[in-house]
Amino acid sequence: MQKIFLTFFYVGLIKYAPGTFGSIFGAIFGFFIYQISAFTLFLASILLFLVSINIINNYEAKAQIHDPKFIVIDEVAGVWLAMSICGQSLIAMILSLIFFRIFDITKPSFIGKIDKNIKGGLGVMGDDMAAGAVAGVFGAIFYNILLKFEWFINLDQTIQI
């Protein structure tokens, strides 16, 4: 049961780019939660963050390994946070996913410090939640800049959620 959770229903066991696939599948699942409300998705990301810390701590204690690549539940929580901040439309959610992957992979500034300096479940989850928060803000800013262009408004209205 623990492995199903940590790998987000075995998505983390995909051989190549498990973090990217975890983010994509998480975003798809998050899209459906968002249909209830953005606040519900926000709360789900926070709940997933809090629950995951202890589960990851238990796994790492047993396996004696920190942040193996197949753990993708952190990507799911992070992308949900980004989508809940930015997700005004399907395009905004896609921007959230793209910015999340950029910040999760590159780990600039304090995101990288969290990744390097905080151990255990809090470290595993913390850098992705920070990346999600930053990605949500950047996605919202970029989306609102794009709304200044008529061609984008037409595209955005064509692709309604």
C-alpha atoms as a PDB file:
ATOM      1  CA  MET A   1       0.000   0.000   0.000  1.00  0.00           C
ATOM      2  CA  GLN A   2       2.872   2.346   0.850  1.00  0.00           C
ATOM      3  CA  LYS A   3       4.478   1.796  -2.565  1.00  0.00           C
ATOM      4  CA  ILE A   4       1.189   2.472  -4.371  1.00  0.00           C
ATOM      5  CA  PHE A   5       0.928   5.766  -2.506  1.00  0.00           C
ATOM      6  CA  LEU A   6       4.549   6.882  -2.908  1.00  0.00           C
ATOM      7  CA  THR A   7       4.617   6.007  -6.619  1.00  0.00           C
ATOM      8  CA  PHE A   8       1.159   7.535  -7.219  1.00  0.00           C
ATOM      9  CA  PHE A   9      -0.432   4.297  -8.378  1.00  0.00           C
ATOM     10  CA  TYR A  10       2.881   2.992  -9.805  1.00  0.00           C
ATOM     11  CA  VAL A  11       3.472   5.993 -12.102  1.00  0.00           C
ATOM     12  CA  GLY A  12       6.821   6.497 -10.349  1.00  0.00           C
ATOM     13  CA  LEU A  13       7.955   3.120 -11.629  1.00  0.00           C
ATOM     14  CA  ILE A  14       8.010   4.381 -15.228  1.00  0.00           C
ATOM     15  CA  LYS A  15      11.622   3.889 -16.267  1.00  0.00           C
ATOM     16  CA  TYR A  16      12.336   7.284 -17.852  1.00  0.00           C
ATOM     17  CA  ALA A  17      11.489  10.661 -16.276  1.00  0.00           C
ATOM     18  CA  PRO A  18       9.307   9.363 -13.430  1.00  0.00           C
ATOM     19  CA  GLY A  19       9.074  12.866 -11.919  1.00  0.00           C
ATOM     20  CA  THR A  20       7.731  14.297 -15.153  1.00  0.00           C
ATOM     21  CA  PHE A  21       5.220  11.490 -15.548  1.00  0.00           C
ATOM     22  CA  GLY A  22       4.227  11.846 -11.890  1.00  0.00           C
ATOM     23  CA  SER A  23       3.640  15.552 -12.485  1.00  0.00           C
ATOM     24  CA  ILE A  24       1.602  14.932 -15.643  1.00  0.00           C
ATOM     25  CA  PHE A  25      -0.591  12.231 -14.103  1.00  0.00           C
ATOM     26  CA  GLY A  26      -0.921  14.334 -10.960  1.00  0.00           C
ATOM     27  CA  ALA A  27      -2.025  17.315 -13.063  1.00  0.00           C
ATOM     28  CA  ILE A  28      -4.634  15.202 -14.847  1.00  0.00           C
ATOM     29  CA  PHE A  29      -6.003  13.972 -11.526  1.00  0.00           C
ATOM     30  CA  GLY A  30      -5.777  17.516 -10.120  1.00  0.00           C
ATOM     31  CA  PHE A  31      -7.784  18.854 -13.062  1.00  0.00           C
ATOM     32  CA  PHE A  32     -10.754  16.782 -11.905  1.00  0.00           C
ATOM     33  CA  ILE A  33     -10.374  17.921  -8.295  1.00  0.00           C
ATOM     34  CA  TYR A  34     -10.221  21.513  -9.580  1.00  0.00           C
ATOM     35  CA  GLN A  35     -13.692  21.024 -11.076  1.00  0.00           C
ATOM     36  CA  ILE A  36     -14.987  21.048  -7.485  1.00  0.00           C
ATOM     37  CA  SER A  37     -13.040  24.244  -6.706  1.00  0.00           C
ATOM     38  CA  ALA A  38      -9.545  25.719  -6.705  1.00  0.00           C
ATOM     39  CA  PHE A  39      -9.698  25.845  -2.916  1.00  0.00           C
ATOM     40  CA  THR A  40     -10.458  22.113  -2.758  1.00  0.00           C
ATOM     41  CA  LEU A  41      -7.371  21.422  -4.870  1.00  0.00           C
ATOM     42  CA  PHE A  42      -5.324  23.732  -2.629  1.00  0.00           C
ATOM     43  CA  LEU A  43      -6.508  21.894   0.496  1.00  0.00           C
ATOM     44  CA  ALA A  44      -5.852  18.525  -1.177  1.00  0.00           C
ATOM     45  CA  SER A  45      -2.263  19.592  -1.918  1.00  0.00           C
ATOM     46  CA  ILE A  46      -1.717  20.655   1.697  1.00  0.00           C
ATOM     47  CA  LEU A  47      -3.273  17.449   3.032  1.00  0.00           C
ATOM     48  CA  LEU A  48      -1.173  15.339   0.658  1.00  0.00           C
ATOM     49  CA  PHE A  49       1.933  17.259   1.771  1.00  0.00           C
ATOM     50  CA  LEU A  50       1.244  16.667   5.473  1.00  0.00           C
ATOM     51  CA  VAL A  51       0.313  12.983   5.133  1.00  0.00           C
ATOM     52  CA  SER A  52       3.249  12.235   2.840  1.00  0.00           C
ATOM     53  CA  ILE A  53       5.932  13.500   5.227  1.00  0.00           C
ATOM     54  CA  ASN A  54       5.381  10.691   7.726  1.00  0.00           C
ATOM     55  CA  ILE A  55       4.931   8.002   5.071  1.00  0.00           C
ATOM     56  CA  ILE A  56       8.195   9.045   3.392  1.00  0.00           C
ATOM     57  CA  ASN A  57       9.981   9.162   6.771  1.00  0.00           C
ATOM     58  CA  ASN A  58       8.845   5.588   7.459  1.00  0.00           C
ATOM     59  CA  TYR A  59       9.897   4.392   4.010  1.00  0.00           C
ATOM     60  CA  GLU A  60      13.312   6.059   4.184  1.00  0.00           C
ATOM     61  CA  ALA A  61      13.969   4.597   7.629  1.00  0.00           C
ATOM     62  CA  LYS A  62      13.231   1.084   6.338  1.00  0.00           C
ATOM     63  CA  ALA A  63      14.961   1.394   2.960  1.00  0.00           C
ATOM     64  CA  GLN A  64      17.919   3.510   4.180  1.00  0.00           C
ATOM     65  CA  ILE A  65      17.706   5.701   1.051  1.00  0.00           C
ATOM     66  CA  HIS A  66      16.787   9.383   0.705  1.00  0.00           C
ATOM     67  CA  ASP A  67      14.405  10.551  -2.025  1.00  0.00           C
ATOM     68  CA  PRO A  68      14.554   7.708  -4.554  1.00  0.00           C
ATOM     69  CA  LYS A  69      13.344   8.663  -8.041  1.00  0.00           C
ATOM     70  CA  PHE A  70      10.274   6.444  -7.899  1.00  0.00           C
ATOM     71  CA  ILE A  71       8.729   8.531  -5.118  1.00  0.00           C
ATOM     72  CA  VAL A  72       6.553  10.937  -7.120  1.00  0.00           C
ATOM     73  CA  ILE A  73       3.894  11.833  -4.568  1.00  0.00           C
ATOM     74  CA  ASP A  74       5.912  15.010  -3.945  1.00  0.00           C
ATOM     75  CA  GLU A  75       5.484  16.025  -7.595  1.00  0.00           C
ATOM     76  CA  VAL A  76       1.754  15.403  -7.328  1.00  0.00           C
ATOM     77  CA  ALA A  77       1.380  17.651  -4.273  1.00  0.00           C
ATOM     78  CA  GLY A  78       3.571  20.342  -5.841  1.00  0.00           C
ATOM     79  CA  VAL A  79       1.736  20.443  -9.154  1.00  0.00           C
ATOM     80  CA  TRP A  80      -1.616  20.518  -7.338  1.00  0.00           C
ATOM     81  CA  LEU A  81      -0.420  23.549  -5.386  1.00  0.00           C
ATOM     82  CA  ALA A  82       0.717  25.275  -8.588  1.00  0.00           C
ATOM     83  CA  MET A  83      -2.595  24.532 -10.318  1.00  0.00           C
ATOM     84  CA  SER A  84      -4.635  25.744  -7.365  1.00  0.00           C
ATOM     85  CA  ILE A  85      -2.788  29.077  -7.421  1.00  0.00           C
ATOM     86  CA  CYS A  86      -2.795  29.639 -11.182  1.00  0.00           C
ATOM     87  CA  GLY A  87      -5.580  27.485 -12.628  1.00  0.00           C
ATOM     88  CA  GLN A  88      -7.982  29.998 -14.127  1.00  0.00           C
ATOM     89  CA  SER A  89      -8.356  27.925 -17.305  1.00  0.00           C
ATOM     90  CA  LEU A  90      -6.998  24.771 -18.910  1.00  0.00           C
ATOM     91  CA  ILE A  91      -4.181  26.778 -20.483  1.00  0.00           C
ATOM     92  CA  ALA A  92      -3.315  28.277 -17.083  1.00  0.00           C
ATOM     93  CA  MET A  93      -3.156  24.776 -15.614  1.00  0.00           C
ATOM     94  CA  ILE A  94      -0.831  23.642 -18.391  1.00  0.00           C
ATOM     95  CA  LEU A  95       1.359  26.685 -17.692  1.00  0.00           C
ATOM     96  CA  SER A  96       1.369  25.678 -14.016  1.00  0.00           C
ATOM     97  CA  LEU A  97       2.590  22.210 -14.950  1.00  0.00           C
ATOM     98  CA  ILE A  98       5.316  23.582 -17.241  1.00  0.00           C
ATOM     99  CA  PHE A  99       6.569  26.111 -14.690  1.00  0.00           C
ATOM    100  CA  PHE A 100       6.411  23.471 -11.957  1.00  0.00           C
ATOM    101  CA  ARG A 101       8.649  21.115 -13.927  1.00  0.00           C
ATOM    102  CA  ILE A 102      11.091  23.941 -14.668  1.00  0.00           C
ATOM    103  CA  PHE A 103      11.390  24.912 -11.004  1.00  0.00           C
ATOM    104  CA  ASP A 104      11.371  21.313  -9.771  1.00  0.00           C
ATOM    105  CA  ILE A 105      14.160  20.275 -12.115  1.00  0.00           C
ATOM    106  CA  THR A 106      16.377  23.370 -11.843  1.00  0.00           C
ATOM    107  CA  LYS A 107      15.717  24.030  -8.125  1.00  0.00           C
ATOM    108  CA  PRO A 108      16.758  27.688  -8.125  1.00  0.00           C
ATOM    109  CA  SER A 109      17.331  29.742  -4.983  1.00  0.00           C
ATOM    110  CA  PHE A 110      15.593  28.579  -1.820  1.00  0.00           C
ATOM    111  CA  ILE A 111      14.042  25.564  -3.580  1.00  0.00           C
ATOM    112  CA  GLY A 112      17.501  24.042  -3.986  1.00  0.00           C
ATOM    113  CA  LYS A 113      18.413  24.927  -0.407  1.00  0.00           C
ATOM    114  CA  ILE A 114      15.367  23.070   0.875  1.00  0.00           C
ATOM    115  CA  ASP A 115      16.316  20.061  -1.282  1.00  0.00           C
ATOM    116  CA  LYS A 116      19.932  20.018  -0.038  1.00  0.00           C
ATOM    117  CA  ASN A 117      19.528  20.988   3.604  1.00  0.00           C
ATOM    118  CA  ILE A 118      16.309  19.392   4.833  1.00  0.00           C
ATOM    119  CA  LYS A 119      16.335  15.632   5.180  1.00  0.00           C
ATOM    120  CA  GLY A 120      13.543  13.098   5.453  1.00  0.00           C
ATOM    121  CA  GLY A 121       9.972  13.471   4.296  1.00  0.00           C
ATOM    122  CA  LEU A 122       9.907  17.197   4.939  1.00  0.00           C
ATOM    123  CA  GLY A 123      12.838  17.696   2.570  1.00  0.00           C
ATOM    124  CA  VAL A 124      11.382  15.405  -0.093  1.00  0.00           C
ATOM    125  CA  MET A 125       8.041  17.199   0.013  1.00  0.00           C
ATOM    126  CA  GLY A 126       9.294  20.687   0.875  1.00  0.00           C
ATOM    127  CA  ASP A 127      11.235  21.470  -2.292  1.00  0.00           C
ATOM    128  CA  ASP A 128       8.312  20.386  -4.466  1.00  0.00           C
ATOM    129  CA  MET A 129       5.816  22.447  -2.487  1.00  0.00           C
ATOM    130  CA  ALA A 130       8.124  25.459  -2.789  1.00  0.00           C
ATOM    131  CA  ALA A 131       8.475  24.801  -6.530  1.00  0.00           C
ATOM    132  CA  GLY A 132       4.684  24.504  -6.747  1.00  0.00           C
ATOM    133  CA  ALA A 133       4.115  27.812  -4.974  1.00  0.00           C
ATOM    134  CA  VAL A 134       6.615  29.640  -7.184  1.00  0.00           C
ATOM    135  CA  ALA A 135       5.293  27.917 -10.325  1.00  0.00           C
ATOM    136  CA  GLY A 136       1.737  28.912  -9.455  1.00  0.00           C
ATOM    137  CA  VAL A 137       2.724  32.560  -9.073  1.00  0.00           C
ATOM    138  CA  PHE A 138       4.845  32.579 -12.248  1.00  0.00           C
ATOM    139  CA  GLY A 139       2.104  30.760 -14.158  1.00  0.00           C
ATOM    140  CA  ALA A 140      -0.506  33.302 -13.026  1.00  0.00           C
ATOM    141  CA  ILE A 141       1.715  36.236 -13.993  1.00  0.00           C
ATOM    142  CA  PHE A 142       2.541  34.752 -17.403  1.00  0.00           C
ATOM    143  CA  TYR A 143      -1.104  33.831 -18.025  1.00  0.00           C
ATOM    144  CA  ASN A 144      -2.253  37.364 -17.217  1.00  0.00           C
ATOM    145  CA  ILE A 145       0.393  38.821 -19.528  1.00  0.00           C
ATOM    146  CA  LEU A 146      -0.877  36.557 -22.315  1.00  0.00           C
ATOM    147  CA  LEU A 147      -4.408  37.841 -21.671  1.00  0.00           C
ATOM    148  CA  LYS A 148      -3.235  41.212 -23.042  1.00  0.00           C
ATOM    149  CA  PHE A 149      -3.176  39.655 -26.532  1.00  0.00           C
ATOM    150  CA  GLU A 150      -6.458  39.190 -28.394  1.00  0.00           C
ATOM    151  CA  TRP A 151      -5.297  36.021 -30.173  1.00  0.00           C
ATOM    152  CA  PHE A 152      -4.625  34.444 -26.791  1.00  0.00           C
ATOM    153  CA  ILE A 153      -8.013  35.473 -25.396  1.00  0.00           C
ATOM    154  CA  ASN A 154      -9.675  33.806 -28.394  1.00  0.00           C
ATOM    155  CA  LEU A 155      -7.589  30.666 -27.914  1.00  0.00           C
ATOM    156  CA  ASP A 156      -8.259  30.597 -24.180  1.00  0.00           C
ATOM    157  CA  GLN A 157     -12.021  30.966 -24.718  1.00  0.00           C
ATOM    158  CA  THR A 158     -11.970  28.215 -27.330  1.00  0.00           C
ATOM    159  CA  ILE A 159     -10.382  25.802 -24.824  1.00  0.00           C
ATOM    160  CA  GLN A 160     -12.792  26.098 -21.897  1.00  0.00           C
ATOM    161  CA  ILE A 161     -12.854  23.775 -18.921  1.00  0.00           C
END
